[in-house]
Amino acid sequence: MKLSLARRWAALAGVLSVALLATALRAPDPATATAGTVCADAGDRYETARPEQVGLDPATLGHALNLMSVNGSETVQVYRHNCLVGTGIFDPLLGNVPGNNWSQTKTITALLAGRAVTLGRLSVDDPIGKYLPAGLGDAAHRGVTVRQLLTQTSGVRANWTRELNLAMPDRVQEFLSLPFDHEPGTFYRYSQTGPSVVAYVVQRAVGEDLQEFAQRELFEPLGIPRDRWFWLRDRSGNTDGWSNLFLPGNEFGRIGQLLANDGTFRGERLIAESYLRELRTPSPANPGYGYLTWLNAGPYWITPSAFAATRNPAPMIASAPADMYFSYGFFGQHVFVIPGLDMVVTRSSGTLNWPPSRLDAGDPLTAVAPGQTTRIEYEFFRLLMQSVVTPRQPAAPPYVAPKPGAVDPSLFVSVPDNLAVAQVGPNAPKGCTIFGCGGNLAAAGTIRSLMDVPRTGFPALTALPAGTTQLAQQVPDLLPRLLDGWQQTARITGEQLPAALPALLASLQQSVGG
């Protein structure tokens, strides 16, 4: 399940070849902030500073960025005091290309709920029935609160065969058909369907399509234009609140700045500070989880594994501060916020990360389980905390690997639930068939999604040539950064770099520089 260093070198050889042939120009120094400056929120671009201007050691920060870059990252960005102070190796190439944010989408859904709360259109303690159409769903399902959906404690049954069914006609109807296994509010179970109900409830509360609301009330104030993102829908047209938001890694920092500033951006209050406090408050059912957002505090955390939820008795990332909270998308889509250090870290991943880069996971289930943190994340934050000069951070505790993965067959195999995937049987949504619900053909969402792709797809295609040129301009710095990242990975895994690799890279660097 893990990629060897030699295979990583082979995978990156094409990128290096293009870059070496293109140009040998050095990229200019991006630092624009003066010593001690606290940067403003992003405008057309992020304000930048050198690491030492914001109390970070540049060499150690560089090691952290290089390590994360060669382990599957498309982009890695570190901000302190709102200043962009470091980026990953491949940011110039892939930073403007939208990628699936996977379950980071859930945190965006939580922020949209927060915007609706701030506008006085939604209360998290309301039962969702207040916002559903009359007659839709029974009393028990309508009685589930918005807060219970945000904390993943609705109590409805989890079945991943149903949860991951991308062809279901209506996710809201799907939720309303799920049996209750627990009393709402008492048991944590990671869900894909619940967050989509949150998205639908927000849409009903504000009285307009969720994506139109998202652009006007969240993305536009953050400086993210409409052609920078798209968001898939189910077949009935409901926005997928659980996944499938496509947003470039370069835009993650704006979300991080909003969170780090307790809900304000460029002087405008977008989300109530009280809501964000609740978002990062541990849920009693899972001390590692708030409102569709992961927390590094608490005596234990419960994984969202698709195989079987596991209780881990340590912070998710033990080398990071306890006050850190973050989004967590499959393959590594993150916005990490560390309030005590006024720091934000973002990461996007996917294209360079298949199969998943799980260097410490000998167990194959742990290796692919979404939500399981690994040695790479631990080592990245250990180095990042080492780089903090003011204030100095305590040494990281020893690394503890996540518990091995386990299989709970009931999460996949249940005759009534498996039949419900085909919209038949006792657990199927009432009034739904594979064609749609209520006698209607469920196709509007698919059509809207297909029409939406070109608007973002064309800018994404044009971003790749521009990104290749930017990467080529950094060739003299690119080679030693790759070598440094591979050397650190070898240190962690105990592998040996091919003996010829350092000499080869040194020769290439000398040729380019000369």
Protein backbone atom coordinates (compact mmCIF):
# COMPACT_ATOMS: atom_id res chain seq x y z
CA MET A 1 0.00 0.00 0.00
CA LYS A 2 2.92 2.34 0.20
CA LEU A 3 4.93 3.89 -2.57
CA SER A 4 8.66 3.26 -2.43
CA LEU A 5 11.07 6.16 -2.79
CA ALA A 6 12.31 4.77 -6.08
CA ARG A 7 8.76 4.68 -7.46
CA ARG A 8 8.18 8.25 -6.33
CA TRP A 9 11.30 9.31 -8.19
CA ALA A 10 10.05 7.57 -11.32
CA ALA A 11 6.63 9.21 -11.03
CA LEU A 12 8.17 12.66 -10.71
CA ALA A 13 10.77 12.20 -13.44
CA GLY A 14 8.38 13.43 -16.13
CA VAL A 15 7.64 16.62 -14.23
CA LEU A 16 11.34 17.23 -13.68
CA SER A 17 12.17 16.61 -17.33
CA VAL A 18 9.62 19.15 -18.53
CA ALA A 19 10.77 21.64 -15.97
CA LEU A 20 14.47 21.22 -16.76
CA LEU A 21 13.93 21.66 -20.47
CA ALA A 22 11.66 24.67 -20.10
CA THR A 23 13.81 27.24 -18.36
CA ALA A 24 16.42 27.73 -15.63
CA LEU A 25 15.24 31.10 -14.37
CA ARG A 26 15.11 31.56 -10.61
CA ALA A 27 11.80 32.62 -9.09
CA PRO A 28 11.91 36.04 -7.45
CA ASP A 29 11.80 36.37 -3.70
CA PRO A 30 8.05 36.60 -2.90
CA ALA A 31 8.43 38.35 0.45
CA THR A 32 6.51 41.62 0.56
CA ALA A 33 5.87 42.20 4.27
CA THR A 34 8.12 44.24 6.48
CA ALA A 35 9.59 42.85 9.69
CA GLY A 36 6.95 42.29 12.37
CA THR A 37 4.05 43.02 10.05
CA VAL A 38 0.69 41.34 10.51
CA CYS A 39 -0.70 40.86 7.03
CA ALA A 40 -4.17 41.81 5.85
CA ASP A 41 -6.69 39.23 4.72
CA ALA A 42 -6.20 38.09 1.16
CA GLY A 43 -7.17 40.44 -1.66
CA ASP A 44 -6.39 39.38 -5.22
CA ARG A 45 -3.55 37.39 -3.66
CA TYR A 46 -2.14 36.59 -0.25
CA GLU A 47 0.26 38.99 1.40
CA THR A 48 3.56 37.23 2.06
CA ALA A 49 6.41 37.43 4.53
CA ARG A 50 9.67 35.63 5.14
CA PRO A 51 9.43 33.00 7.89
CA GLU A 52 11.79 34.87 10.21
CA GLN A 53 9.54 37.94 10.01
CA VAL A 54 6.76 36.05 11.78
CA GLY A 55 8.85 34.10 14.29
CA LEU A 56 9.60 30.94 12.31
CA ASP A 57 12.92 29.30 11.48
CA PRO A 58 13.08 29.11 7.66
CA ALA A 59 15.27 26.00 7.44
CA THR A 60 13.08 23.85 9.69
CA LEU A 61 9.92 25.16 8.05
CA GLY A 62 11.44 24.20 4.70
CA HIS A 63 12.05 20.65 5.90
CA ALA A 64 8.39 20.36 6.94
CA LEU A 65 7.12 21.63 3.59
CA ASN A 66 9.46 19.37 1.60
CA LEU A 67 8.48 16.29 3.57
CA MET A 68 4.76 16.87 3.03
CA SER A 69 5.29 17.76 -0.64
CA VAL A 70 6.94 14.48 -1.65
CA ASN A 71 4.30 12.45 0.17
CA GLY A 72 1.35 13.01 -2.09
CA SER A 73 0.66 16.74 -1.69
CA GLU A 74 -0.47 18.92 -4.57
CA THR A 75 -0.24 22.04 -2.42
CA VAL A 76 0.99 22.80 1.09
CA GLN A 77 0.80 26.32 2.48
CA VAL A 78 1.72 27.78 5.87
CA TYR A 79 0.36 31.12 7.12
CA ARG A 80 1.18 33.02 10.26
CA HIS A 81 -0.35 36.34 11.33
CA ASN A 82 -2.27 36.12 8.03
CA CYS A 83 0.98 36.11 6.02
CA LEU A 84 1.78 33.33 3.56
CA VAL A 85 5.26 32.24 4.67
CA GLY A 86 5.87 28.93 2.90
CA THR A 87 4.52 26.75 0.10
CA GLY A 88 4.98 23.21 -1.16
CA ILE A 89 7.07 22.05 -4.09
CA PHE A 90 4.17 21.55 -6.51
CA ASP A 91 2.03 24.55 -5.56
CA PRO A 92 2.96 26.50 -8.72
CA LEU A 93 1.86 23.59 -10.90
CA LEU A 94 -1.37 22.51 -9.23
CA GLY A 95 -2.45 25.31 -6.90
CA ASN A 96 -5.03 26.75 -9.28
CA VAL A 97 -6.50 23.45 -10.48
CA PRO A 98 -9.81 22.56 -8.74
CA GLY A 99 -9.82 19.13 -7.14
CA ASN A 100 -12.40 17.20 -5.19
CA ASN A 101 -12.27 18.36 -1.59
CA TRP A 102 -13.92 15.12 -0.51
CA SER A 103 -14.96 15.38 3.16
CA GLN A 104 -13.47 18.84 3.57
CA THR A 105 -16.76 19.68 1.86
CA LYS A 106 -18.50 18.83 5.14
CA THR A 107 -16.70 21.68 6.92
CA ILE A 108 -17.76 24.09 4.15
CA THR A 109 -21.33 22.90 4.66
CA ALA A 110 -20.96 23.66 8.38
CA LEU A 111 -19.72 27.16 7.53
CA LEU A 112 -22.73 27.76 5.29
CA ALA A 113 -24.97 26.68 8.17
CA GLY A 114 -23.05 29.17 10.30
CA ARG A 115 -23.69 31.92 7.78
CA ALA A 116 -27.41 31.14 7.85
CA VAL A 117 -27.33 31.21 11.67
CA THR A 118 -25.53 34.56 11.60
CA LEU A 119 -28.19 35.98 9.28
CA GLY A 120 -30.91 34.82 11.68
CA ARG A 121 -32.36 32.33 9.20
CA LEU A 122 -31.44 29.11 11.03
CA SER A 123 -31.08 27.80 14.58
CA VAL A 124 -28.96 24.73 15.29
CA ASP A 125 -31.39 23.63 18.02
CA ASP A 126 -34.37 23.59 15.70
CA PRO A 127 -35.72 20.22 14.54
CA ILE A 128 -35.14 19.85 10.83
CA GLY A 129 -38.89 19.40 10.39
CA LYS A 130 -39.24 23.16 10.84
CA TYR A 131 -37.51 23.59 7.48
CA LEU A 132 -38.70 20.52 5.55
CA PRO A 133 -41.74 20.66 3.28
CA ALA A 134 -44.98 19.70 5.03
CA GLY A 135 -45.57 15.95 4.95
CA LEU A 136 -41.98 15.02 4.09
CA GLY A 137 -40.71 12.44 6.57
CA ASP A 138 -42.13 11.01 9.78
CA ALA A 139 -42.14 12.69 13.18
CA ALA A 140 -39.01 10.91 14.41
CA HIS A 141 -36.85 11.97 11.48
CA ARG A 142 -38.31 15.48 11.44
CA GLY A 143 -37.44 15.72 15.13
CA VAL A 144 -33.70 15.33 14.56
CA THR A 145 -32.04 18.70 15.21
CA VAL A 146 -29.62 20.61 13.03
CA ARG A 147 -27.05 20.34 15.84
CA GLN A 148 -27.34 16.54 15.85
CA LEU A 149 -26.67 16.45 12.11
CA LEU A 150 -23.69 18.79 12.51
CA THR A 151 -22.19 16.57 15.23
CA GLN A 152 -22.98 13.33 13.35
CA THR A 153 -25.22 12.11 16.18
CA SER A 154 -28.55 11.78 14.36
CA GLY A 155 -28.82 8.14 15.47
CA VAL A 156 -29.84 6.80 12.05
CA ARG A 157 -28.31 3.62 10.69
CA ALA A 158 -25.04 3.73 8.79
CA ASN A 159 -24.62 1.53 5.74
CA TRP A 160 -21.73 2.43 3.46
CA THR A 161 -23.21 0.63 0.49
CA ARG A 162 -26.06 3.14 0.68
CA GLU A 163 -23.95 6.10 1.83
CA LEU A 164 -21.60 5.88 -1.16
CA ASN A 165 -24.33 5.27 -3.74
CA LEU A 166 -23.71 8.16 -6.12
CA ALA A 167 -26.74 7.18 -8.21
CA MET A 168 -29.38 7.55 -5.47
CA PRO A 169 -32.24 9.72 -6.67
CA ASP A 170 -32.56 11.93 -3.56
CA ARG A 171 -30.28 12.04 -0.50
CA VAL A 172 -32.86 13.80 1.65
CA GLN A 173 -35.41 11.08 0.98
CA GLU A 174 -32.65 8.57 1.65
CA PHE A 175 -32.00 10.00 5.12
CA LEU A 176 -35.70 9.99 5.96
CA SER A 177 -35.86 6.25 5.16
CA LEU A 178 -32.95 5.16 7.40
CA PRO A 179 -33.96 3.29 10.57
CA PHE A 180 -32.84 4.62 13.94
CA ASP A 181 -30.21 2.52 15.70
CA HIS A 182 -29.61 5.01 18.53
CA GLU A 183 -31.40 7.82 20.28
CA PRO A 184 -30.53 11.09 18.52
CA GLY A 185 -27.72 12.99 20.23
CA THR A 186 -26.25 10.00 22.06
CA PHE A 187 -24.04 8.12 19.57
CA TYR A 188 -21.44 9.30 17.03
CA ARG A 189 -21.50 7.66 13.63
CA TYR A 190 -19.75 9.28 10.68
CA SER A 191 -22.25 9.81 7.88
CA GLN A 192 -22.26 11.01 4.28
CA THR A 193 -26.02 11.47 4.10
CA GLY A 194 -26.49 13.65 7.20
CA PRO A 195 -24.34 16.55 5.93
CA SER A 196 -26.37 16.60 2.70
CA VAL A 197 -29.50 17.05 4.82
CA VAL A 198 -27.74 20.01 6.51
CA ALA A 199 -27.13 21.51 3.06
CA TYR A 200 -30.79 21.01 2.14
CA VAL A 201 -32.01 22.49 5.42
CA VAL A 202 -29.81 25.57 4.92
CA GLN A 203 -31.22 25.92 1.41
CA ARG A 204 -34.77 25.76 2.75
CA ALA A 205 -33.96 28.18 5.59
CA VAL A 206 -32.51 30.87 3.32
CA GLY A 207 -35.04 30.34 0.53
CA GLU A 208 -32.69 29.92 -2.41
CA ASP A 209 -30.43 27.36 -4.06
CA LEU A 210 -27.58 26.51 -1.70
CA GLN A 211 -24.89 27.18 -4.29
CA GLU A 212 -26.21 30.63 -5.11
CA PHE A 213 -26.29 31.36 -1.39
CA ALA A 214 -22.75 29.97 -0.99
CA GLN A 215 -21.34 32.22 -3.70
CA ARG A 216 -22.98 35.44 -2.52
CA GLU A 217 -22.65 34.94 1.24
CA LEU A 218 -19.36 33.03 1.60
CA PHE A 219 -17.17 32.61 -1.46
CA GLU A 220 -17.58 36.09 -2.97
CA PRO A 221 -16.79 37.90 0.32
CA LEU A 222 -13.70 35.66 0.61
CA GLY A 223 -12.57 36.65 -2.88
CA ILE A 224 -13.33 33.31 -4.57
CA PRO A 225 -15.00 33.91 -7.96
CA ARG A 226 -17.73 31.62 -9.27
CA ASP A 227 -15.52 30.11 -11.97
CA ARG A 228 -13.06 28.81 -9.37
CA TRP A 229 -15.33 26.09 -7.99
CA PHE A 230 -18.14 23.73 -8.75
CA TRP A 231 -20.18 21.44 -6.56
CA LEU A 232 -21.96 18.27 -7.63
CA ARG A 233 -25.59 17.49 -6.83
CA ASP A 234 -27.65 14.36 -6.38
CA ARG A 235 -30.01 13.38 -9.18
CA SER A 236 -32.83 15.47 -7.73
CA GLY A 237 -30.69 18.62 -7.64
CA ASN A 238 -29.74 18.69 -3.94
CA THR A 239 -26.16 19.84 -3.36
CA ASP A 240 -23.87 17.13 -1.98
CA GLY A 241 -23.17 18.44 1.51
CA TRP A 242 -20.82 15.55 2.25
CA SER A 243 -18.32 15.72 -0.66
CA ASN A 244 -17.78 16.68 -4.30
CA LEU A 245 -16.98 20.36 -3.87
CA PHE A 246 -14.18 21.05 -6.35
CA LEU A 247 -12.05 23.97 -5.14
CA PRO A 248 -8.36 24.75 -5.87
CA GLY A 249 -5.80 24.37 -3.09
CA ASN A 250 -4.76 28.01 -3.49
CA GLU A 251 -8.18 29.07 -2.18
CA PHE A 252 -8.01 27.04 1.05
CA GLY A 253 -6.05 29.79 2.80
CA ARG A 254 -8.99 32.19 2.51
CA ILE A 255 -11.15 29.76 4.45
CA GLY A 256 -8.35 29.40 6.98
CA GLN A 257 -8.09 33.17 7.40
CA LEU A 258 -11.85 33.40 7.99
CA LEU A 259 -11.61 30.77 10.73
CA ALA A 260 -8.44 32.22 12.27
CA ASN A 261 -10.14 35.63 12.41
CA ASP A 262 -13.14 34.14 14.29
CA GLY A 263 -15.53 34.66 11.41
CA THR A 264 -14.49 38.03 9.97
CA PHE A 265 -12.83 38.68 6.62
CA ARG A 266 -11.54 42.07 5.51
CA GLY A 267 -13.54 43.68 8.31
CA GLU A 268 -16.87 42.02 7.46
CA ARG A 269 -18.52 39.66 9.93
CA LEU A 270 -19.48 36.55 7.93
CA ILE A 271 -20.00 34.00 10.70
CA ALA A 272 -20.91 34.68 14.31
CA GLU A 273 -18.05 34.15 16.75
CA SER A 274 -20.40 32.20 19.02
CA TYR A 275 -21.17 29.72 16.22
CA LEU A 276 -17.47 29.13 15.54
CA ARG A 277 -16.90 28.49 19.24
CA GLU A 278 -19.53 25.78 19.02
CA LEU A 279 -18.00 24.45 15.79
CA ARG A 280 -14.71 23.79 17.60
CA THR A 281 -16.27 22.54 20.86
CA PRO A 282 -15.91 18.77 21.42
CA SER A 283 -19.08 16.75 21.05
CA PRO A 284 -19.84 14.56 24.09
CA ALA A 285 -20.23 11.57 21.76
CA ASN A 286 -16.82 12.17 20.12
CA PRO A 287 -14.36 14.54 21.85
CA GLY A 288 -12.41 14.71 18.58
CA TYR A 289 -15.29 16.21 16.61
CA GLY A 290 -17.26 19.46 16.57
CA TYR A 291 -19.55 20.69 13.79
CA LEU A 292 -18.46 18.57 10.77
CA THR A 293 -14.93 19.56 11.82
CA TRP A 294 -12.14 17.60 13.55
CA LEU A 295 -10.56 18.71 16.84
CA ASN A 296 -7.11 17.91 18.20
CA ALA A 297 -8.27 18.23 21.81
CA GLY A 298 -9.91 15.62 23.98
CA PRO A 299 -8.82 12.41 25.67
CA TYR A 300 -9.74 10.30 22.62
CA TRP A 301 -11.24 10.52 19.15
CA ILE A 302 -13.43 8.19 17.11
CA THR A 303 -12.37 7.56 13.53
CA PRO A 304 -14.70 7.92 10.55
CA SER A 305 -13.39 4.70 9.00
CA ALA A 306 -15.58 3.08 6.39
CA PHE A 307 -14.57 -0.30 7.79
CA ALA A 308 -15.29 0.08 11.51
CA ALA A 309 -15.13 3.10 13.76
CA THR A 310 -12.16 2.90 16.15
CA ARG A 311 -11.62 4.73 19.42
CA ASN A 312 -8.06 6.10 19.50
CA PRO A 313 -6.80 7.22 22.94
CA ALA A 314 -4.67 10.16 21.78
CA PRO A 315 -5.06 13.40 19.84
CA MET A 316 -5.37 12.85 16.11
CA ILE A 317 -2.02 14.58 15.55
CA ALA A 318 -0.09 14.43 18.81
CA SER A 319 2.74 16.67 17.56
CA ALA A 320 0.34 19.59 16.95
CA PRO A 321 -1.13 21.91 19.62
CA ALA A 322 -4.25 20.76 21.41
CA ASP A 323 -6.23 23.81 20.27
CA MET A 324 -5.84 22.93 16.59
CA TYR A 325 -9.02 22.16 14.65
CA PHE A 326 -9.32 21.19 11.02
CA SER A 327 -11.21 19.84 8.03
CA TYR A 328 -10.26 16.37 6.86
CA GLY A 329 -10.91 15.20 3.30
CA PHE A 330 -10.00 11.81 1.87
CA PHE A 331 -6.48 11.70 0.37
CA GLY A 332 -5.52 14.77 2.40
CA GLN A 333 -7.62 17.91 1.86
CA HIS A 334 -7.16 20.07 4.93
CA VAL A 335 -7.46 23.50 6.48
CA PHE A 336 -5.66 23.35 9.85
CA VAL A 337 -6.22 26.28 12.23
CA ILE A 338 -4.02 26.78 15.33
CA PRO A 339 -5.52 29.73 17.25
CA GLY A 340 -2.81 29.90 19.94
CA LEU A 341 -0.09 30.44 17.34
CA ASP A 342 -2.19 32.51 14.92
CA MET A 343 -1.29 29.93 12.29
CA VAL A 344 -3.08 28.26 9.39
CA VAL A 345 -1.83 25.29 7.37
CA THR A 346 -3.54 24.07 4.20
CA ARG A 347 -3.00 20.99 2.11
CA SER A 348 -4.57 19.60 -1.06
CA SER A 349 -3.86 16.20 -2.50
CA GLY A 350 -5.11 13.57 -4.89
CA THR A 351 -3.44 13.59 -8.31
CA LEU A 352 -0.03 12.73 -6.88
CA ASN A 353 -1.44 10.51 -4.16
CA TRP A 354 -2.70 7.29 -5.66
CA PRO A 355 -2.49 4.83 -4.08
CA PRO A 356 -2.70 6.71 -0.77
CA SER A 357 0.67 7.63 0.70
CA ARG A 358 0.48 5.87 4.06
CA LEU A 359 4.11 5.29 4.87
CA ASP A 360 3.66 3.92 8.35
CA ALA A 361 0.70 1.69 7.66
CA GLY A 362 1.62 -1.95 7.33
CA ASP A 363 -2.03 -2.82 7.91
CA PRO A 364 -3.88 -2.49 4.57
CA LEU A 365 -7.16 -1.36 6.14
CA THR A 366 -5.48 1.44 8.05
CA ALA A 367 -3.61 2.33 4.86
CA VAL A 368 -6.75 3.28 2.96
CA ALA A 369 -9.09 4.23 5.80
CA PRO A 370 -10.24 7.83 5.46
CA GLY A 371 -9.62 9.87 8.56
CA GLN A 372 -6.69 7.83 9.86
CA THR A 373 -3.74 10.13 10.46
CA THR A 374 -0.25 8.86 9.71
CA ARG A 375 3.40 9.31 10.57
CA ILE A 376 3.81 11.87 7.80
CA GLU A 377 1.31 14.27 9.38
CA TYR A 378 2.88 13.70 12.78
CA GLU A 379 6.38 14.43 11.42
CA PHE A 380 5.19 17.47 9.48
CA PHE A 381 3.71 19.11 12.57
CA ARG A 382 6.66 18.04 14.70
CA LEU A 383 8.96 19.95 12.33
CA LEU A 384 6.53 22.85 12.02
CA MET A 385 6.37 23.25 15.80
CA GLN A 386 10.17 23.01 15.93
CA SER A 387 10.30 25.91 13.48
CA VAL A 388 8.35 28.20 15.84
CA VAL A 389 10.92 30.51 17.42
CA THR A 390 8.42 32.73 19.25
CA PRO A 391 7.02 31.34 21.40
CA ARG A 392 9.05 28.16 21.65
CA GLN A 393 6.93 25.01 21.56
CA PRO A 394 7.33 21.92 23.75
CA ALA A 395 8.88 18.80 22.27
CA ALA A 396 6.41 16.46 20.60
CA PRO A 397 5.39 13.32 22.48
CA PRO A 398 6.35 9.97 20.92
CA TYR A 399 4.41 8.95 17.86
CA VAL A 400 1.58 6.47 18.42
CA ALA A 401 0.28 4.79 15.26
CA PRO A 402 -3.50 4.61 14.78
CA LYS A 403 -5.12 1.38 15.82
CA PRO A 404 -5.21 -1.22 13.03
CA GLY A 405 -8.24 -1.19 10.82
CA ALA A 406 -11.11 -3.57 11.47
CA VAL A 407 -14.09 -4.75 9.50
CA ASP A 408 -17.71 -4.42 10.59
CA PRO A 409 -19.65 -6.38 7.96
CA SER A 410 -22.94 -4.77 8.99
CA LEU A 411 -21.70 -1.47 7.59
CA PHE A 412 -21.75 -3.04 4.13
CA VAL A 413 -23.93 -6.14 4.21
CA SER A 414 -27.57 -5.86 5.26
CA VAL A 415 -30.22 -7.34 3.03
CA PRO A 416 -32.84 -4.59 3.60
CA ASP A 417 -30.24 -1.85 3.19
CA ASN A 418 -28.59 -3.43 0.17
CA LEU A 419 -31.99 -3.80 -1.48
CA ALA A 420 -32.64 -0.14 -0.69
CA VAL A 421 -29.72 0.82 -2.95
CA ALA A 422 -31.98 -0.29 -5.81
CA GLN A 423 -34.90 1.58 -4.19
CA VAL A 424 -36.75 -1.62 -3.28
CA GLY A 425 -37.51 -3.40 -0.02
CA PRO A 426 -38.72 -2.28 3.42
CA ASN A 427 -35.89 0.24 4.02
CA ALA A 428 -36.15 1.97 0.66
CA PRO A 429 -37.34 5.60 0.57
CA LYS A 430 -41.11 5.74 0.35
CA GLY A 431 -42.40 6.71 -3.05
CA CYS A 432 -38.98 6.35 -4.74
CA THR A 433 -37.80 4.09 -7.53
CA ILE A 434 -34.47 3.94 -9.36
CA PHE A 435 -35.95 6.55 -11.70
CA GLY A 436 -36.92 9.13 -9.10
CA CYS A 437 -39.26 9.99 -6.25
CA GLY A 438 -42.91 11.00 -6.18
CA GLY A 439 -43.45 9.88 -9.76
CA ASN A 440 -40.82 12.33 -11.04
CA LEU A 441 -37.72 11.53 -13.10
CA ALA A 442 -34.64 12.42 -11.03
CA ALA A 443 -32.36 13.99 -13.61
CA ALA A 444 -32.31 17.72 -12.87
CA GLY A 445 -29.28 17.50 -10.58
CA THR A 446 -27.23 15.48 -13.06
CA ILE A 447 -28.03 17.94 -15.84
CA ARG A 448 -27.12 20.95 -13.68
CA SER A 449 -23.87 19.31 -12.62
CA LEU A 450 -22.87 18.53 -16.20
CA MET A 451 -23.70 22.08 -17.30
CA ASP A 452 -21.67 23.45 -14.39
CA VAL A 453 -18.43 21.57 -15.17
CA PRO A 454 -17.29 23.57 -18.25
CA ARG A 455 -17.53 26.88 -16.39
CA THR A 456 -14.83 25.74 -13.99
CA GLY A 457 -13.18 23.16 -16.23
CA PHE A 458 -11.92 25.64 -18.82
CA PRO A 459 -10.07 27.82 -16.28
CA ALA A 460 -8.65 24.62 -14.77
CA LEU A 461 -7.24 23.52 -18.14
CA THR A 462 -5.66 26.90 -18.73
CA ALA A 463 -4.15 26.84 -15.24
CA LEU A 464 -2.00 23.79 -16.02
CA PRO A 465 0.25 25.38 -18.71
CA ALA A 466 0.68 28.47 -16.55
CA GLY A 467 1.50 26.25 -13.59
CA THR A 468 4.07 24.30 -15.60
CA THR A 469 5.82 27.54 -16.51
CA GLN A 470 5.87 28.67 -12.88
CA LEU A 471 7.26 25.34 -11.75
CA ALA A 472 9.96 25.49 -14.42
CA GLN A 473 11.08 28.88 -13.14
CA GLN A 474 11.86 27.26 -9.80
CA VAL A 475 13.99 24.39 -11.12
CA PRO A 476 17.21 25.39 -9.31
CA ASP A 477 15.33 25.30 -6.00
CA LEU A 478 13.13 22.35 -6.96
CA LEU A 479 15.86 19.71 -7.08
CA PRO A 480 17.34 20.18 -3.60
CA ARG A 481 13.83 20.44 -2.14
CA LEU A 482 12.90 17.08 -3.66
CA LEU A 483 16.07 15.49 -2.35
CA ASP A 484 15.49 16.93 1.12
CA GLY A 485 11.91 15.60 1.19
CA TRP A 486 13.02 12.14 0.08
CA GLN A 487 15.86 12.07 2.60
CA GLN A 488 13.44 12.89 5.42
CA THR A 489 11.02 10.25 4.20
CA ALA A 490 13.86 7.72 4.21
CA ARG A 491 14.66 8.72 7.79
CA ILE A 492 11.08 8.05 8.85
CA THR A 493 10.59 4.77 7.00
CA GLY A 494 14.09 3.36 7.42
CA GLU A 495 14.43 2.97 3.66
CA GLN A 496 17.58 3.91 1.81
CA LEU A 497 17.68 6.36 -1.05
CA PRO A 498 19.16 4.88 -4.24
CA ALA A 499 22.87 5.61 -3.96
CA ALA A 500 22.99 7.37 -7.31
CA LEU A 501 20.05 9.70 -6.60
CA PRO A 502 21.80 12.46 -4.59
CA ALA A 503 24.67 12.56 -7.10
CA LEU A 504 22.24 12.65 -10.03
CA LEU A 505 20.25 15.51 -8.57
CA ALA A 506 23.42 17.41 -7.70
CA SER A 507 24.61 17.01 -11.28
CA LEU A 508 21.28 18.18 -12.69
CA GLN A 509 21.29 21.16 -10.37
CA GLN A 510 24.83 22.08 -11.38
CA SER A 511 23.92 21.78 -15.08
CA VAL A 512 20.91 24.02 -14.66
CA GLY A 513 22.75 26.52 -12.53
CA GLY A 514 25.72 26.59 -14.86
